[in-house]
PDB file of N, CA and C in Angstrom:
ATOM      1  N   MET A   1       2.982 -14.028   8.420  1.00  0.00           N
ATOM      2  CA  MET A   1       3.936 -14.643   7.540  1.00  0.00           C
ATOM      3  C   MET A   1       5.077 -15.280   8.343  1.00  0.00           C
ATOM      4  N   PHE A   2       5.511 -14.599   9.396  1.00  0.00           N
ATOM      5  CA  PHE A   2       6.578 -15.168  10.237  1.00  0.00           C
ATOM      6  C   PHE A   2       6.137 -16.502  10.826  1.00  0.00           C
ATOM      7  N   ARG A   3       4.897 -16.578  11.261  1.00  0.00           N
ATOM      8  CA  ARG A   3       4.372 -17.830  11.826  1.00  0.00           C
ATOM      9  C   ARG A   3       4.433 -18.944  10.795  1.00  0.00           C
ATOM     10  N   GLU A   4       4.083 -18.644   9.561  1.00  0.00           N
ATOM     11  CA  GLU A   4       4.119 -19.643   8.493  1.00  0.00           C
ATOM     12  C   GLU A   4       5.548 -20.120   8.229  1.00  0.00           C
ATOM     13  N   VAL A   5       6.478 -19.180   8.200  1.00  0.00           N
ATOM     14  CA  VAL A   5       7.879 -19.524   7.952  1.00  0.00           C
ATOM     15  C   VAL A   5       8.434 -20.370   9.101  1.00  0.00           C
ATOM     16  N   LEU A   6       8.163 -19.960  10.320  1.00  0.00           N
ATOM     17  CA  LEU A   6       8.638 -20.711  11.483  1.00  0.00           C
ATOM     18  C   LEU A   6       8.017 -22.108  11.507  1.00  0.00           C
ATOM     19  N   HIS A   7       6.742 -22.190  11.193  1.00  0.00           N
ATOM     20  CA  HIS A   7       6.039 -23.468  11.149  1.00  0.00           C
ATOM     21  C   HIS A   7       6.684 -24.390  10.115  1.00  0.00           C
ATOM     22  N   GLU A   8       6.946 -23.869   8.930  1.00  0.00           N
ATOM     23  CA  GLU A   8       7.547 -24.660   7.857  1.00  0.00           C
ATOM     24  C   GLU A   8       8.939 -25.162   8.257  1.00  0.00           C
ATOM     25  N   ARG A   9       9.736 -24.290   8.834  1.00  0.00           N
ATOM     26  CA  ARG A   9      11.091 -24.690   9.246  1.00  0.00           C
ATOM     27  C   ARG A   9      11.042 -25.703  10.381  1.00  0.00           C
ATOM     28  N   HIS A  10      10.131 -25.518  11.305  1.00  0.00           N
ATOM     29  CA  HIS A  10      10.030 -26.403  12.465  1.00  0.00           C
ATOM     30  C   HIS A  10       9.585 -27.807  12.055  1.00  0.00           C
ATOM     31  N   LEU A  11       8.671 -27.894  11.089  1.00  0.00           N
ATOM     32  CA  LEU A  11       8.159 -29.196  10.665  1.00  0.00           C
ATOM     33  C   LEU A  11       9.173 -30.015   9.868  1.00  0.00           C
ATOM     34  N   ASN A  12      10.118 -29.355   9.242  1.00  0.00           N
ATOM     35  CA  ASN A  12      11.112 -30.053   8.431  1.00  0.00           C
ATOM     36  C   ASN A  12      12.197 -30.626   9.345  1.00  0.00           C
ATOM     37  N   LYS A  13      12.165 -31.946   9.542  1.00  0.00           N
ATOM     38  CA  LYS A  13      13.120 -32.592  10.446  1.00  0.00           C
ATOM     39  C   LYS A  13      14.551 -32.506   9.939  1.00  0.00           C
ATOM     40  N   GLY A  14      14.726 -32.306   8.647  1.00  0.00           N
ATOM     41  CA  GLY A  14      16.055 -32.233   8.071  1.00  0.00           C
ATOM     42  C   GLY A  14      16.689 -30.851   8.146  1.00  0.00           C
ATOM     43  N   THR A  15      15.978 -29.893   8.723  1.00  0.00           N
ATOM     44  CA  THR A  15      16.498 -28.527   8.786  1.00  0.00           C
ATOM     45  C   THR A  15      17.703 -28.441   9.715  1.00  0.00           C
ATOM     46  N   VAL A  16      18.756 -27.858   9.201  1.00  0.00           N
ATOM     47  CA  VAL A  16      19.936 -27.563  10.006  1.00  0.00           C
ATOM     48  C   VAL A  16      19.901 -26.062  10.262  1.00  0.00           C
ATOM     49  N   TRP A  17      19.822 -25.685  11.516  1.00  0.00           N
ATOM     50  CA  TRP A  17      19.741 -24.268  11.876  1.00  0.00           C
ATOM     51  C   TRP A  17      21.131 -23.657  11.877  1.00  0.00           C
ATOM     52  N   ARG A  18      21.250 -22.514  11.261  1.00  0.00           N
ATOM     53  CA  ARG A  18      22.501 -21.757  11.253  1.00  0.00           C
ATOM     54  C   ARG A  18      22.303 -20.460  12.021  1.00  0.00           C
ATOM     55  N   ARG A  19      23.407 -19.804  12.325  1.00  0.00           N
ATOM     56  CA  ARG A  19      23.386 -18.606  13.164  1.00  0.00           C
ATOM     57  C   ARG A  19      22.410 -17.532  12.714  1.00  0.00           C
ATOM     58  N   ASN A  20      22.362 -17.249  11.433  1.00  0.00           N
ATOM     59  CA  ASN A  20      21.563 -16.136  10.949  1.00  0.00           C
ATOM     60  C   ASN A  20      20.159 -16.523  10.509  1.00  0.00           C
ATOM     61  N   ASP A  21      19.762 -17.765  10.658  1.00  0.00           N
ATOM     62  CA  ASP A  21      18.466 -18.218  10.159  1.00  0.00           C
ATOM     63  C   ASP A  21      17.289 -17.482  10.791  1.00  0.00           C
ATOM     64  N   LEU A  22      17.321 -17.294  12.081  1.00  0.00           N
ATOM     65  CA  LEU A  22      16.198 -16.612  12.740  1.00  0.00           C
ATOM     66  C   LEU A  22      16.109 -15.160  12.280  1.00  0.00           C
ATOM     67  N   THR A  23      17.233 -14.496  12.146  1.00  0.00           N
ATOM     68  CA  THR A  23      17.241 -13.115  11.650  1.00  0.00           C
ATOM     69  C   THR A  23      16.690 -13.057  10.236  1.00  0.00           C
ATOM     70  N   ASP A  24      17.122 -13.968   9.379  1.00  0.00           N
ATOM     71  CA  ASP A  24      16.602 -14.027   8.014  1.00  0.00           C
ATOM     72  C   ASP A  24      15.094 -14.239   8.019  1.00  0.00           C
ATOM     73  N   MET A  25      14.637 -15.133   8.874  1.00  0.00           N
ATOM     74  CA  MET A  25      13.200 -15.421   8.935  1.00  0.00           C
ATOM     75  C   MET A  25      12.400 -14.187   9.322  1.00  0.00           C
ATOM     76  N   VAL A  26      12.872 -13.440  10.287  1.00  0.00           N
ATOM     77  CA  VAL A  26      12.150 -12.247  10.741  1.00  0.00           C
ATOM     78  C   VAL A  26      12.069 -11.218   9.617  1.00  0.00           C
ATOM     79  N   TYR A  27      13.208 -10.851   9.064  1.00  0.00           N
ATOM     80  CA  TYR A  27      13.225  -9.773   8.069  1.00  0.00           C
ATOM     81  C   TYR A  27      12.634 -10.189   6.732  1.00  0.00           C
ATOM     82  N   LEU A  28      12.897 -11.404   6.281  1.00  0.00           N
ATOM     83  CA  LEU A  28      12.346 -11.825   4.998  1.00  0.00           C
ATOM     84  C   LEU A  28      10.851 -12.086   5.067  1.00  0.00           C
ATOM     85  N   SER A  29      10.347 -12.538   6.212  1.00  0.00           N
ATOM     86  CA  SER A  29       8.894 -12.704   6.329  1.00  0.00           C
ATOM     87  C   SER A  29       8.202 -11.343   6.329  1.00  0.00           C
ATOM     88  N   CYS A  30       8.832 -10.329   6.924  1.00  0.00           N
ATOM     89  CA  CYS A  30       8.289  -8.960   6.851  1.00  0.00           C
ATOM     90  C   CYS A  30       8.304  -8.471   5.411  1.00  0.00           C
ATOM     91  N   ALA A  31       9.405  -8.696   4.725  1.00  0.00           N
ATOM     92  CA  ALA A  31       9.518  -8.265   3.332  1.00  0.00           C
ATOM     93  C   ALA A  31       8.472  -8.952   2.458  1.00  0.00           C
ATOM     94  N   ALA A  32       8.271 -10.243   2.669  1.00  0.00           N
ATOM     95  CA  ALA A  32       7.311 -10.993   1.855  1.00  0.00           C
ATOM     96  C   ALA A  32       5.886 -10.493   2.075  1.00  0.00           C
ATOM     97  N   GLY A  33       5.613  -9.971   3.248  1.00  0.00           N
ATOM     98  CA  GLY A  33       4.281  -9.456   3.539  1.00  0.00           C
ATOM     99  C   GLY A  33       4.004  -8.093   2.942  1.00  0.00           C
ATOM    100  N   TYR A  34       5.046  -7.304   2.713  1.00  0.00           N
ATOM    101  CA  TYR A  34       4.843  -5.918   2.284  1.00  0.00           C
ATOM    102  C   TYR A  34       5.491  -5.549   0.956  1.00  0.00           C
ATOM    103  N   ALA A  35       6.600  -6.163   0.619  1.00  0.00           N
ATOM    104  CA  ALA A  35       7.329  -5.787  -0.596  1.00  0.00           C
ATOM    105  C   ALA A  35       6.691  -6.425  -1.829  1.00  0.00           C
ATOM    106  N   ASP A  36       6.888  -5.785  -2.962  1.00  0.00           N
ATOM    107  CA  ASP A  36       6.386  -6.347  -4.213  1.00  0.00           C
ATOM    108  C   ASP A  36       7.171  -7.589  -4.620  1.00  0.00           C
ATOM    109  N   PHE A  37       8.471  -7.611  -4.306  1.00  0.00           N
ATOM    110  CA  PHE A  37       9.346  -8.724  -4.670  1.00  0.00           C
ATOM    111  C   PHE A  37      10.347  -8.969  -3.553  1.00  0.00           C
ATOM    112  N   VAL A  38      10.728 -10.230  -3.396  1.00  0.00           N
ATOM    113  CA  VAL A  38      11.745 -10.595  -2.410  1.00  0.00           C
ATOM    114  C   VAL A  38      12.802 -11.429  -3.127  1.00  0.00           C
ATOM    115  N   VAL A  39      14.064 -11.091  -2.905  1.00  0.00           N
ATOM    116  CA  VAL A  39      15.177 -11.852  -3.459  1.00  0.00           C
ATOM    117  C   VAL A  39      15.959 -12.420  -2.274  1.00  0.00           C
ATOM    118  N   CYS A  40      16.115 -13.750  -2.251  1.00  0.00           N
ATOM    119  CA  CYS A  40      16.798 -14.384  -1.121  1.00  0.00           C
ATOM    120  C   CYS A  40      17.383 -15.727  -1.553  1.00  0.00           C
ATOM    121  N   GLU A  41      18.091 -16.367  -0.642  1.00  0.00           N
ATOM    122  CA  GLU A  41      18.705 -17.658  -0.937  1.00  0.00           C
ATOM    123  C   GLU A  41      17.633 -18.720  -1.179  1.00  0.00           C
ATOM    124  N   ARG A  42      18.053 -19.811  -1.791  1.00  0.00           N
ATOM    125  CA  ARG A  42      17.130 -20.861  -2.223  1.00  0.00           C
ATOM    126  C   ARG A  42      16.284 -21.434  -1.094  1.00  0.00           C
ATOM    127  N   HIS A  43      16.915 -21.836   0.002  1.00  0.00           N
ATOM    128  CA  HIS A  43      16.155 -22.486   1.070  1.00  0.00           C
ATOM    129  C   HIS A  43      15.104 -21.548   1.664  1.00  0.00           C
ATOM    130  N   MET A  44      15.500 -20.342   1.964  1.00  0.00           N
ATOM    131  CA  MET A  44      14.547 -19.388   2.535  1.00  0.00           C
ATOM    132  C   MET A  44      13.473 -19.024   1.518  1.00  0.00           C
ATOM    133  N   GLY A  45      13.849 -18.977   0.256  1.00  0.00           N
ATOM    134  CA  GLY A  45      12.873 -18.711  -0.798  1.00  0.00           C
ATOM    135  C   GLY A  45      11.810 -19.793  -0.871  1.00  0.00           C
ATOM    136  N   ASN A  46      12.236 -21.044  -0.722  1.00  0.00           N
ATOM    137  CA  ASN A  46      11.275 -22.154  -0.730  1.00  0.00           C
ATOM    138  C   ASN A  46      10.318 -22.061   0.454  1.00  0.00           C
ATOM    139  N   VAL A  47      10.859 -21.742   1.611  1.00  0.00           N
ATOM    140  CA  VAL A  47      10.041 -21.631   2.819  1.00  0.00           C
ATOM    141  C   VAL A  47       9.043 -20.485   2.668  1.00  0.00           C
ATOM    142  N   LEU A  48       9.498 -19.337   2.169  1.00  0.00           N
ATOM    143  CA  LEU A  48       8.607 -18.189   1.965  1.00  0.00           C
ATOM    144  C   LEU A  48       7.519 -18.500   0.944  1.00  0.00           C
ATOM    145  N   THR A  49       7.901 -19.151  -0.146  1.00  0.00           N
ATOM    146  CA  THR A  49       6.932 -19.487  -1.186  1.00  0.00           C
ATOM    147  C   THR A  49       5.844 -20.408  -0.639  1.00  0.00           C
ATOM    148  N   GLN A  50       6.232 -21.423   0.130  1.00  0.00           N
ATOM    149  CA  GLN A  50       5.242 -22.331   0.718  1.00  0.00           C
ATOM    150  C   GLN A  50       4.302 -21.584   1.671  1.00  0.00           C
ATOM    151  N   GLY A  51       4.867 -20.708   2.485  1.00  0.00           N
ATOM    152  CA  GLY A  51       4.051 -19.930   3.420  1.00  0.00           C
ATOM    153  C   GLY A  51       3.074 -19.013   2.705  1.00  0.00           C
ATOM    154  N   LEU A  52       3.541 -18.344   1.654  1.00  0.00           N
ATOM    155  CA  LEU A  52       2.665 -17.456   0.891  1.00  0.00           C
ATOM    156  C   LEU A  52       1.538 -18.232   0.214  1.00  0.00           C
ATOM    157  N   LYS A  53       1.857 -19.402  -0.305  1.00  0.00           N
ATOM    158  CA  LYS A  53       0.823 -20.229  -0.934  1.00  0.00           C
ATOM    159  C   LYS A  53      -0.222 -20.671   0.086  1.00  0.00           C
ATOM    160  N   ARG A  54       0.227 -21.045   1.292  1.00  0.00           N
ATOM    161  CA  ARG A  54      -0.727 -21.444   2.335  1.00  0.00           C
ATOM    162  C   ARG A  54      -1.635 -20.290   2.731  1.00  0.00           C
ATOM    163  N   LEU A  55      -1.106 -19.076   2.661  1.00  0.00           N
ATOM    164  CA  LEU A  55      -1.905 -17.895   2.989  1.00  0.00           C
ATOM    165  C   LEU A  55      -2.701 -17.380   1.779  1.00  0.00           C
ATOM    166  N   ARG A  56      -2.617 -18.125   0.687  1.00  0.00           N
ATOM    167  CA  ARG A  56      -3.313 -17.791  -0.560  1.00  0.00           C
ATOM    168  C   ARG A  56      -2.894 -16.424  -1.101  1.00  0.00           C
ATOM    169  N   ARG A  57      -1.596 -16.173  -1.046  1.00  0.00           N
ATOM    170  CA  ARG A  57      -1.020 -14.959  -1.615  1.00  0.00           C
ATOM    171  C   ARG A  57      -0.089 -15.357  -2.741  1.00  0.00           C
ATOM    172  N   GLN A  58       0.038 -14.481  -3.704  1.00  0.00           N
ATOM    173  CA  GLN A  58       0.902 -14.781  -4.846  1.00  0.00           C
ATOM    174  C   GLN A  58       2.361 -14.641  -4.447  1.00  0.00           C
ATOM    175  N   PRO A  59       3.128 -15.720  -4.528  1.00  0.00           N
ATOM    176  CA  PRO A  59       4.549 -15.622  -4.179  1.00  0.00           C
ATOM    177  C   PRO A  59       5.329 -14.894  -5.273  1.00  0.00           C
ATOM    178  N   ARG A  60       6.066 -13.886  -4.884  1.00  0.00           N
ATOM    179  CA  ARG A  60       6.964 -13.172  -5.788  1.00  0.00           C
ATOM    180  C   ARG A  60       8.350 -13.198  -5.154  1.00  0.00           C
ATOM    181  N   VAL A  61       8.868 -14.417  -5.035  1.00  0.00           N
ATOM    182  CA  VAL A  61      10.146 -14.662  -4.372  1.00  0.00           C
ATOM    183  C   VAL A  61      11.121 -15.195  -5.419  1.00  0.00           C
ATOM    184  N   PHE A  62      12.314 -14.611  -5.441  1.00  0.00           N
ATOM    185  CA  PHE A  62      13.318 -14.967  -6.435  1.00  0.00           C
ATOM    186  C   PHE A  62      14.641 -15.311  -5.755  1.00  0.00           C
ATOM    187  N   ARG A  63      15.416 -16.166  -6.411  1.00  0.00           N
ATOM    188  CA  ARG A  63      16.732 -16.551  -5.880  1.00  0.00           C
ATOM    189  C   ARG A  63      17.820 -15.577  -6.275  1.00  0.00           C
ATOM    190  N   ARG A  64      17.671 -14.957  -7.430  1.00  0.00           N
ATOM    191  CA  ARG A  64      18.697 -14.046  -7.934  1.00  0.00           C
ATOM    192  C   ARG A  64      18.043 -12.745  -8.382  1.00  0.00           C
ATOM    193  N   LEU A  65      18.771 -11.669  -8.242  1.00  0.00           N
ATOM    194  CA  LEU A  65      18.258 -10.382  -8.674  1.00  0.00           C
ATOM    195  C   LEU A  65      17.992 -10.381 -10.178  1.00  0.00           C
ATOM    196  N   ARG A  66      18.847 -11.067 -10.920  1.00  0.00           N
ATOM    197  CA  ARG A  66      18.631 -11.115 -12.373  1.00  0.00           C
ATOM    198  C   ARG A  66      17.347 -11.860 -12.729  1.00  0.00           C
ATOM    199  N   ASP A  67      16.915 -12.785 -11.880  1.00  0.00           N
ATOM    200  CA  ASP A  67      15.642 -13.468 -12.113  1.00  0.00           C
ATOM    201  C   ASP A  67      14.461 -12.546 -11.815  1.00  0.00           C
ATOM    202  N   ALA A  68      14.646 -11.653 -10.860  1.00  0.00           N
ATOM    203  CA  ALA A  68      13.579 -10.728 -10.475  1.00  0.00           C
ATOM    204  C   ALA A  68      13.486  -9.531 -11.411  1.00  0.00           C
ATOM    205  N   ALA A  69      14.563  -9.219 -12.119  1.00  0.00           N
ATOM    206  CA  ALA A  69      14.614  -8.016 -12.947  1.00  0.00           C
ATOM    207  C   ALA A  69      13.467  -7.909 -13.956  1.00  0.00           C
ATOM    208  N   PRO A  70      13.114  -8.964 -14.704  1.00  0.00           N
ATOM    209  CA  PRO A  70      11.991  -8.829 -15.643  1.00  0.00           C
ATOM    210  C   PRO A  70      10.661  -8.507 -14.939  1.00  0.00           C
ATOM    211  N   ALA A  71      10.413  -9.140 -13.802  1.00  0.00           N
ATOM    212  CA  ALA A  71       9.174  -8.872 -13.062  1.00  0.00           C
ATOM    213  C   ALA A  71       9.165  -7.443 -12.529  1.00  0.00           C
ATOM    214  N   ILE A  72      10.320  -6.972 -12.071  1.00  0.00           N
ATOM    215  CA  ILE A  72      10.422  -5.596 -11.582  1.00  0.00           C
ATOM    216  C   ILE A  72      10.206  -4.625 -12.739  1.00  0.00           C
ATOM    217  N   GLY A  73      10.825  -4.924 -13.881  1.00  0.00           N
ATOM    218  CA  GLY A  73      10.639  -4.078 -15.068  1.00  0.00           C
ATOM    219  C   GLY A  73       9.188  -4.026 -15.503  1.00  0.00           C
ATOM    220  N   ASP A  74       8.512  -5.174 -15.503  1.00  0.00           N
ATOM    221  CA  ASP A  74       7.090  -5.210 -15.860  1.00  0.00           C
ATOM    222  C   ASP A  74       6.270  -4.369 -14.893  1.00  0.00           C
ATOM    223  N   ARG A  75       6.570  -4.496 -13.611  1.00  0.00           N
ATOM    224  CA  ARG A  75       5.848  -3.744 -12.588  1.00  0.00           C
ATOM    225  C   ARG A  75       6.067  -2.242 -12.748  1.00  0.00           C
ATOM    226  N   LEU A  76       7.313  -1.839 -12.988  1.00  0.00           N
ATOM    227  CA  LEU A  76       7.616  -0.429 -13.181  1.00  0.00           C
ATOM    228  C   LEU A  76       6.970   0.109 -14.457  1.00  0.00           C
ATOM    229  N   GLY A  77       6.942  -0.723 -15.482  1.00  0.00           N
ATOM    230  CA  GLY A  77       6.304  -0.319 -16.734  1.00  0.00           C
ATOM    231  C   GLY A  77       4.807  -0.140 -16.596  1.00  0.00           C
ATOM    232  N   SER A  78       4.178  -1.013 -15.814  1.00  0.00           N
ATOM    233  CA  SER A  78       2.717  -0.920 -15.652  1.00  0.00           C
ATOM    234  C   SER A  78       2.319   0.231 -14.744  1.00  0.00           C
ATOM    235  N   THR A  79       3.177   0.632 -13.809  1.00  0.00           N
ATOM    236  CA  THR A  79       2.842   1.742 -12.910  1.00  0.00           C
ATOM    237  C   THR A  79       3.262   3.084 -13.497  1.00  0.00           C
ATOM    238  N   ALA A  80       4.137   3.088 -14.509  1.00  0.00           N
ATOM    239  CA  ALA A  80       4.575   4.343 -15.111  1.00  0.00           C
ATOM    240  C   ALA A  80       3.457   5.021 -15.887  1.00  0.00           C
ATOM    241  N   HIS A  81       2.484   4.243 -16.349  1.00  0.00           N
ATOM    242  CA  HIS A  81       1.390   4.787 -17.138  1.00  0.00           C
ATOM    243  C   HIS A  81       0.187   5.201 -16.312  1.00  0.00           C
ATOM    244  N   THR A  82       0.233   4.978 -15.011  1.00  0.00           N
ATOM    245  CA  THR A  82      -0.924   5.307 -14.171  1.00  0.00           C
ATOM    246  C   THR A  82      -0.734   6.628 -13.486  1.00  0.00           C
TER     247      THR A  82
END
């Protein structure tokens, strides 16, 4: 996943690199590979979503926690009965 994120950022000529971008890429790509849901800023969310789609994985990336809350609730509801 990190390779996909780095590839996506590198190919975008308009990308402006900021101090924490590499750190975000490392930790959020790990989260996207293992966590059920990832909540992050818009730009990184777009990069993660594109990478997950290229890897043929379902993207569960959200910009705001309130946007993720219904999906988290659904997930908790479906696992509570098992």
